[in-house]
Amino acid sequence: MRDYHINIFYSDDDEGYIADMPDLEACSAFGDTPDEALHEVQKAKDLWIKAAQAEDKPIPPPKYRAAIYQAASA
């Protein structure tokens, strides 16, 4: 299984945590805690990949790296 970067942040509007995977368009999830959001986005990733495979669409390789890591390695 591929390792995709995951962003987790608190949303005041939603009053909970949002987790997303920038490499997988529209792959995100919600949780009341960071751990719950992480668990949910991992399930969303599995469903995203299964849907892409079923529709014979390409699955992008993991590429996203947060800007702080890009700057540190430059």
N, C-alpha and C. Protein backbone atom coordinates (compact mmCIF):
# COMPACT_ATOMS: atom_id res chain seq x y z
N MET A 1 0.84 -1.18 0.00
CA MET A 1 0.00 0.00 0.00
C MET A 1 0.89 1.24 0.00
N ARG A 2 0.49 2.21 -0.75
CA ARG A 2 1.27 3.44 -0.89
C ARG A 2 1.10 4.33 0.33
N ASP A 3 2.17 5.05 0.68
CA ASP A 3 2.12 5.98 1.80
C ASP A 3 1.91 7.39 1.27
N TYR A 4 0.74 7.91 1.48
CA TYR A 4 0.40 9.27 1.06
C TYR A 4 0.49 10.21 2.25
N HIS A 5 0.92 11.44 1.97
CA HIS A 5 0.98 12.47 3.01
C HIS A 5 -0.44 12.77 3.49
N ILE A 6 -0.59 12.95 4.78
CA ILE A 6 -1.89 13.27 5.37
C ILE A 6 -1.77 14.57 6.14
N ASN A 7 -2.67 15.51 5.85
CA ASN A 7 -2.79 16.74 6.63
C ASN A 7 -3.95 16.55 7.60
N ILE A 8 -3.76 16.94 8.85
CA ILE A 8 -4.84 16.92 9.83
C ILE A 8 -4.87 18.29 10.50
N PHE A 9 -6.05 18.90 10.51
CA PHE A 9 -6.17 20.22 11.12
C PHE A 9 -7.54 20.36 11.76
N TYR A 10 -7.62 21.26 12.74
CA TYR A 10 -8.89 21.52 13.42
C TYR A 10 -9.67 22.55 12.63
N SER A 11 -10.95 22.30 12.45
CA SER A 11 -11.84 23.22 11.74
C SER A 11 -12.83 23.82 12.74
N ASP A 12 -12.72 25.13 12.97
CA ASP A 12 -13.67 25.80 13.85
C ASP A 12 -15.09 25.70 13.28
N ASP A 13 -15.21 25.85 11.96
CA ASP A 13 -16.53 25.80 11.32
C ASP A 13 -17.21 24.45 11.55
N ASP A 14 -16.44 23.37 11.45
CA ASP A 14 -17.00 22.03 11.60
C ASP A 14 -16.92 21.50 13.03
N GLU A 15 -16.20 22.22 13.87
CA GLU A 15 -15.99 21.83 15.27
C GLU A 15 -15.45 20.41 15.39
N GLY A 16 -14.43 20.15 14.58
CA GLY A 16 -13.79 18.84 14.60
C GLY A 16 -12.55 18.86 13.72
N TYR A 17 -11.99 17.71 13.52
CA TYR A 17 -10.74 17.59 12.77
C TYR A 17 -11.00 17.09 11.35
N ILE A 18 -10.29 17.70 10.42
CA ILE A 18 -10.34 17.33 9.01
C ILE A 18 -9.00 16.69 8.67
N ALA A 19 -9.04 15.58 7.98
CA ALA A 19 -7.83 14.94 7.45
C ALA A 19 -7.98 14.85 5.95
N ASP A 20 -6.92 15.19 5.23
CA ASP A 20 -6.97 15.05 3.77
C ASP A 20 -5.65 14.53 3.24
N MET A 21 -5.72 14.03 2.01
CA MET A 21 -4.55 13.52 1.30
C MET A 21 -4.41 14.33 0.02
N PRO A 22 -3.48 15.28 -0.02
CA PRO A 22 -3.36 16.17 -1.18
C PRO A 22 -3.14 15.45 -2.51
N ASP A 23 -2.51 14.29 -2.49
CA ASP A 23 -2.25 13.57 -3.74
C ASP A 23 -3.49 12.91 -4.33
N LEU A 24 -4.52 12.71 -3.51
CA LEU A 24 -5.75 12.06 -3.97
C LEU A 24 -6.87 13.09 -3.95
N GLU A 25 -7.25 13.56 -5.12
CA GLU A 25 -8.23 14.64 -5.24
C GLU A 25 -9.51 14.31 -4.47
N ALA A 26 -9.91 15.24 -3.62
CA ALA A 26 -11.15 15.16 -2.84
C ALA A 26 -11.17 14.00 -1.84
N CYS A 27 -10.02 13.51 -1.45
CA CYS A 27 -9.96 12.44 -0.45
C CYS A 27 -9.75 13.08 0.91
N SER A 28 -10.83 13.15 1.69
CA SER A 28 -10.75 13.76 3.00
C SER A 28 -11.76 13.10 3.93
N ALA A 29 -11.63 13.40 5.22
CA ALA A 29 -12.52 12.80 6.20
C ALA A 29 -12.59 13.70 7.43
N PHE A 30 -13.57 13.45 8.26
CA PHE A 30 -13.82 14.22 9.47
C PHE A 30 -13.75 13.30 10.68
N GLY A 31 -13.32 13.87 11.81
CA GLY A 31 -13.34 13.14 13.07
C GLY A 31 -13.43 14.10 14.24
N ASP A 32 -13.93 13.61 15.36
CA ASP A 32 -14.00 14.43 16.56
C ASP A 32 -12.63 14.60 17.21
N THR A 33 -11.70 13.69 16.89
CA THR A 33 -10.34 13.76 17.40
C THR A 33 -9.38 13.58 16.22
N PRO A 34 -8.11 13.97 16.38
CA PRO A 34 -7.15 13.72 15.30
C PRO A 34 -7.05 12.24 14.95
N ASP A 35 -7.07 11.36 15.95
CA ASP A 35 -6.98 9.92 15.68
C ASP A 35 -8.18 9.42 14.88
N GLU A 36 -9.35 9.91 15.22
CA GLU A 36 -10.55 9.49 14.48
C GLU A 36 -10.49 9.99 13.04
N ALA A 37 -10.05 11.23 12.84
CA ALA A 37 -9.92 11.77 11.48
C ALA A 37 -8.90 10.96 10.68
N LEU A 38 -7.80 10.58 11.31
CA LEU A 38 -6.78 9.76 10.65
C LEU A 38 -7.36 8.40 10.24
N HIS A 39 -8.05 7.76 11.16
CA HIS A 39 -8.66 6.46 10.86
C HIS A 39 -9.66 6.57 9.70
N GLU A 40 -10.47 7.61 9.72
CA GLU A 40 -11.48 7.80 8.68
C GLU A 40 -10.85 8.11 7.32
N VAL A 41 -9.78 8.90 7.30
CA VAL A 41 -9.17 9.22 6.01
C VAL A 41 -8.44 8.01 5.44
N GLN A 42 -7.96 7.13 6.29
CA GLN A 42 -7.35 5.90 5.79
C GLN A 42 -8.40 5.00 5.13
N LYS A 43 -9.60 4.96 5.71
CA LYS A 43 -10.70 4.23 5.07
C LYS A 43 -11.09 4.91 3.76
N ALA A 44 -11.12 6.25 3.77
CA ALA A 44 -11.47 6.99 2.55
C ALA A 44 -10.45 6.73 1.44
N LYS A 45 -9.17 6.62 1.81
CA LYS A 45 -8.13 6.32 0.82
C LYS A 45 -8.38 4.96 0.17
N ASP A 46 -8.68 3.97 0.98
CA ASP A 46 -8.95 2.63 0.44
C ASP A 46 -10.13 2.66 -0.53
N LEU A 47 -11.18 3.38 -0.16
CA LEU A 47 -12.35 3.49 -1.04
C LEU A 47 -12.02 4.27 -2.30
N TRP A 48 -11.21 5.33 -2.16
CA TRP A 48 -10.81 6.15 -3.31
C TRP A 48 -10.06 5.28 -4.31
N ILE A 49 -9.11 4.50 -3.83
CA ILE A 49 -8.30 3.65 -4.71
C ILE A 49 -9.17 2.57 -5.36
N LYS A 50 -10.06 1.95 -4.60
CA LYS A 50 -10.95 0.93 -5.18
C LYS A 50 -11.83 1.52 -6.27
N ALA A 51 -12.35 2.74 -6.04
CA ALA A 51 -13.20 3.39 -7.04
C ALA A 51 -12.39 3.72 -8.29
N ALA A 52 -11.17 4.20 -8.12
CA ALA A 52 -10.32 4.51 -9.28
C ALA A 52 -10.02 3.24 -10.07
N GLN A 53 -9.73 2.16 -9.38
CA GLN A 53 -9.46 0.89 -10.06
C GLN A 53 -10.69 0.39 -10.81
N ALA A 54 -11.86 0.51 -10.19
CA ALA A 54 -13.10 0.05 -10.81
C ALA A 54 -13.43 0.84 -12.07
N GLU A 55 -13.04 2.12 -12.08
CA GLU A 55 -13.30 2.98 -13.24
C GLU A 55 -12.10 3.04 -14.18
N ASP A 56 -11.10 2.22 -13.91
CA ASP A 56 -9.88 2.16 -14.73
C ASP A 56 -9.20 3.53 -14.85
N LYS A 57 -9.19 4.27 -13.74
CA LYS A 57 -8.54 5.58 -13.69
C LYS A 57 -7.17 5.43 -13.05
N PRO A 58 -6.23 6.29 -13.42
CA PRO A 58 -4.89 6.20 -12.84
C PRO A 58 -4.87 6.56 -11.35
N ILE A 59 -4.01 5.89 -10.63
CA ILE A 59 -3.82 6.19 -9.21
C ILE A 59 -2.48 6.91 -9.11
N PRO A 60 -2.51 8.17 -8.68
CA PRO A 60 -1.26 8.94 -8.66
C PRO A 60 -0.29 8.41 -7.60
N PRO A 61 0.99 8.49 -7.91
CA PRO A 61 1.99 8.10 -6.90
C PRO A 61 2.06 9.17 -5.81
N PRO A 62 2.48 8.82 -4.62
CA PRO A 62 2.65 9.82 -3.57
C PRO A 62 3.74 10.82 -3.98
N LYS A 63 3.40 12.10 -3.99
CA LYS A 63 4.38 13.13 -4.34
C LYS A 63 4.40 14.29 -3.36
N TYR A 64 3.24 14.58 -2.76
CA TYR A 64 3.11 15.78 -1.93
C TYR A 64 4.05 15.73 -0.74
N ARG A 65 4.71 16.82 -0.51
CA ARG A 65 5.51 17.02 0.70
C ARG A 65 5.25 18.43 1.19
N ALA A 66 5.03 18.54 2.45
CA ALA A 66 4.75 19.86 3.02
C ALA A 66 5.89 20.82 2.72
N ALA A 67 5.56 22.10 2.55
CA ALA A 67 6.55 23.12 2.18
C ALA A 67 7.71 23.18 3.17
N ILE A 68 7.45 22.95 4.44
CA ILE A 68 8.53 23.02 5.43
C ILE A 68 9.60 21.97 5.14
N TYR A 69 9.19 20.79 4.66
CA TYR A 69 10.16 19.75 4.33
C TYR A 69 10.88 20.07 3.03
N GLN A 70 10.18 20.68 2.09
CA GLN A 70 10.80 21.07 0.84
C GLN A 70 11.88 22.10 1.09
N ALA A 71 11.61 23.07 1.95
CA ALA A 71 12.57 24.12 2.25
C ALA A 71 13.78 23.55 2.99
N ALA A 72 13.54 22.61 3.89
CA ALA A 72 14.63 22.03 4.67
C ALA A 72 15.58 21.21 3.81
N SER A 73 15.07 20.60 2.75
CA SER A 73 15.93 19.76 1.92
C SER A 73 16.54 20.52 0.75
N ALA A 74 16.18 21.76 0.58
CA ALA A 74 16.70 22.55 -0.56
C ALA A 74 18.11 23.02 -0.30
